[in-house]
Amino acid sequence: MDDRKLEKEFAVHVYDTGPDGKLSLYTLFDYLQDIASDHAVMLGYGRDDLLQRNQFWVLSRMYAEISKLPGWGEKLLVRTWPR
């Protein structure tokens, strides 16, 4: 895989779910922010890289189409790429 794309697998733990046993939206977006941060570091735009230049990046919007949320014990593969 080239460094312009990144994949990360997350296991859904019981504390990541709501009363229905499905991944909570709050946690899903935490996963997305987590991989975005890892990817920024990988591409040289991580927090420490940017602080050295008195810069920062901001996630200004997020769009997701969700057809099915994974449940407790399932795994979720998240992919990201810069645009």
C-alpha atoms as a PDB file:
ATOM      1  CA  MET A   1       0.000   0.000   0.000  1.00  0.00           C
ATOM      2  CA  ASP A   2       1.402   3.438  -0.830  1.00  0.00           C
ATOM      3  CA  ASP A   3       1.771   6.026   1.922  1.00  0.00           C
ATOM      4  CA  ARG A   4      -1.068   8.105   0.516  1.00  0.00           C
ATOM      5  CA  LYS A   5      -3.510   5.547   1.956  1.00  0.00           C
ATOM      6  CA  LEU A   6      -3.729   4.028   5.412  1.00  0.00           C
ATOM      7  CA  GLU A   7      -5.768   1.131   6.829  1.00  0.00           C
ATOM      8  CA  LYS A   8      -6.323   0.351  10.486  1.00  0.00           C
ATOM      9  CA  GLU A   9      -8.426  -2.350  12.114  1.00  0.00           C
ATOM     10  CA  PHE A  10     -10.390  -1.629  15.278  1.00  0.00           C
ATOM     11  CA  ALA A  11     -11.948  -4.283  17.512  1.00  0.00           C
ATOM     12  CA  VAL A  12     -15.295  -3.202  18.959  1.00  0.00           C
ATOM     13  CA  HIS A  13     -15.120  -3.548  22.730  1.00  0.00           C
ATOM     14  CA  VAL A  14     -18.118  -3.644  25.036  1.00  0.00           C
ATOM     15  CA  TYR A  15     -17.333  -0.110  26.269  1.00  0.00           C
ATOM     16  CA  ASP A  16     -17.493   1.136  22.637  1.00  0.00           C
ATOM     17  CA  THR A  17     -21.134   0.134  22.267  1.00  0.00           C
ATOM     18  CA  GLY A  18     -24.508   1.493  23.196  1.00  0.00           C
ATOM     19  CA  PRO A  19     -27.358  -0.359  24.939  1.00  0.00           C
ATOM     20  CA  ASP A  20     -28.130  -2.160  21.650  1.00  0.00           C
ATOM     21  CA  GLY A  21     -24.626  -3.701  21.525  1.00  0.00           C
ATOM     22  CA  LYS A  22     -23.724  -1.716  18.390  1.00  0.00           C
ATOM     23  CA  LEU A  23     -20.773   0.641  18.018  1.00  0.00           C
ATOM     24  CA  SER A  24     -21.755   4.129  19.191  1.00  0.00           C
ATOM     25  CA  LEU A  25     -21.490   6.986  16.699  1.00  0.00           C
ATOM     26  CA  TYR A  26     -19.332   8.871  19.187  1.00  0.00           C
ATOM     27  CA  THR A  27     -16.799   6.017  19.203  1.00  0.00           C
ATOM     28  CA  LEU A  28     -16.966   5.574  15.435  1.00  0.00           C
ATOM     29  CA  PHE A  29     -15.935   9.192  14.974  1.00  0.00           C
ATOM     30  CA  ASP A  30     -13.185   8.705  17.585  1.00  0.00           C
ATOM     31  CA  TYR A  31     -11.850   5.867  15.403  1.00  0.00           C
ATOM     32  CA  LEU A  32     -11.938   8.130  12.349  1.00  0.00           C
ATOM     33  CA  GLN A  33     -10.116  10.914  14.177  1.00  0.00           C
ATOM     34  CA  ASP A  34      -7.562   8.398  15.470  1.00  0.00           C
ATOM     35  CA  ILE A  35      -6.645   7.142  12.008  1.00  0.00           C
ATOM     36  CA  ALA A  36      -6.611  10.701  10.605  1.00  0.00           C
ATOM     37  CA  SER A  37      -4.077  11.667  13.270  1.00  0.00           C
ATOM     38  CA  ASP A  38      -1.910   8.585  12.575  1.00  0.00           C
ATOM     39  CA  HIS A  39      -2.019   9.331   8.866  1.00  0.00           C
ATOM     40  CA  ALA A  40      -1.070  12.970   9.374  1.00  0.00           C
ATOM     41  CA  VAL A  41       1.988  11.850  11.366  1.00  0.00           C
ATOM     42  CA  MET A  42       2.908   9.345   8.651  1.00  0.00           C
ATOM     43  CA  LEU A  43       2.728  12.058   5.975  1.00  0.00           C
ATOM     44  CA  GLY A  44       4.775  14.583   7.983  1.00  0.00           C
ATOM     45  CA  TYR A  45       1.815  16.688   9.095  1.00  0.00           C
ATOM     46  CA  GLY A  46       1.498  15.425  12.673  1.00  0.00           C
ATOM     47  CA  ARG A  47       1.102  17.655  15.713  1.00  0.00           C
ATOM     48  CA  ASP A  48       4.821  17.776  16.515  1.00  0.00           C
ATOM     49  CA  ASP A  49       5.811  18.386  12.872  1.00  0.00           C
ATOM     50  CA  LEU A  50       3.450  21.313  12.560  1.00  0.00           C
ATOM     51  CA  LEU A  51       4.221  22.871  15.958  1.00  0.00           C
ATOM     52  CA  GLN A  52       7.832  23.226  14.847  1.00  0.00           C
ATOM     53  CA  ARG A  53       6.545  25.486  12.048  1.00  0.00           C
ATOM     54  CA  ASN A  54       3.909  27.275  14.197  1.00  0.00           C
ATOM     55  CA  GLN A  55       1.157  25.567  12.201  1.00  0.00           C
ATOM     56  CA  PHE A  56      -1.712  23.192  12.939  1.00  0.00           C
ATOM     57  CA  TRP A  57      -4.392  21.292  11.059  1.00  0.00           C
ATOM     58  CA  VAL A  58      -8.089  21.294  11.774  1.00  0.00           C
ATOM     59  CA  LEU A  59     -10.682  18.713  10.861  1.00  0.00           C
ATOM     60  CA  SER A  60     -13.352  21.052   9.556  1.00  0.00           C
ATOM     61  CA  ARG A  61     -15.992  18.550   8.529  1.00  0.00           C
ATOM     62  CA  MET A  62     -16.682  14.885   8.334  1.00  0.00           C
ATOM     63  CA  TYR A  63     -19.166  13.072   6.145  1.00  0.00           C
ATOM     64  CA  ALA A  64     -20.138   9.464   6.596  1.00  0.00           C
ATOM     65  CA  GLU A  65     -22.712   7.159   5.069  1.00  0.00           C
ATOM     66  CA  ILE A  66     -23.375   4.342   7.486  1.00  0.00           C
ATOM     67  CA  SER A  67     -25.294   1.321   6.299  1.00  0.00           C
ATOM     68  CA  LYS A  68     -24.601  -0.894   9.317  1.00  0.00           C
ATOM     69  CA  LEU A  69     -22.787  -0.384  12.594  1.00  0.00           C
ATOM     70  CA  PRO A  70     -20.606  -3.246  13.819  1.00  0.00           C
ATOM     71  CA  GLY A  71     -21.474  -4.906  17.089  1.00  0.00           C
ATOM     72  CA  TRP A  72     -19.561  -5.904  20.179  1.00  0.00           C
ATOM     73  CA  GLY A  73     -16.812  -8.392  19.294  1.00  0.00           C
ATOM     74  CA  GLU A  74     -16.742  -7.485  15.609  1.00  0.00           C
ATOM     75  CA  LYS A  75     -13.865  -5.801  13.808  1.00  0.00           C
ATOM     76  CA  LEU A  76     -13.973  -2.668  11.715  1.00  0.00           C
ATOM     77  CA  LEU A  77     -11.464  -1.832   8.970  1.00  0.00           C
ATOM     78  CA  VAL A  78     -11.036   1.911   8.444  1.00  0.00           C
ATOM     79  CA  ARG A  79      -9.254   3.354   5.395  1.00  0.00           C
ATOM     80  CA  THR A  80      -8.152   6.917   4.886  1.00  0.00           C
ATOM     81  CA  TRP A  81      -6.408   8.978   2.229  1.00  0.00           C
ATOM     82  CA  PRO A  82      -5.548  12.663   1.927  1.00  0.00           C
ATOM     83  CA  ARG A  83      -7.493  14.946  -0.316  1.00  0.00           C
END
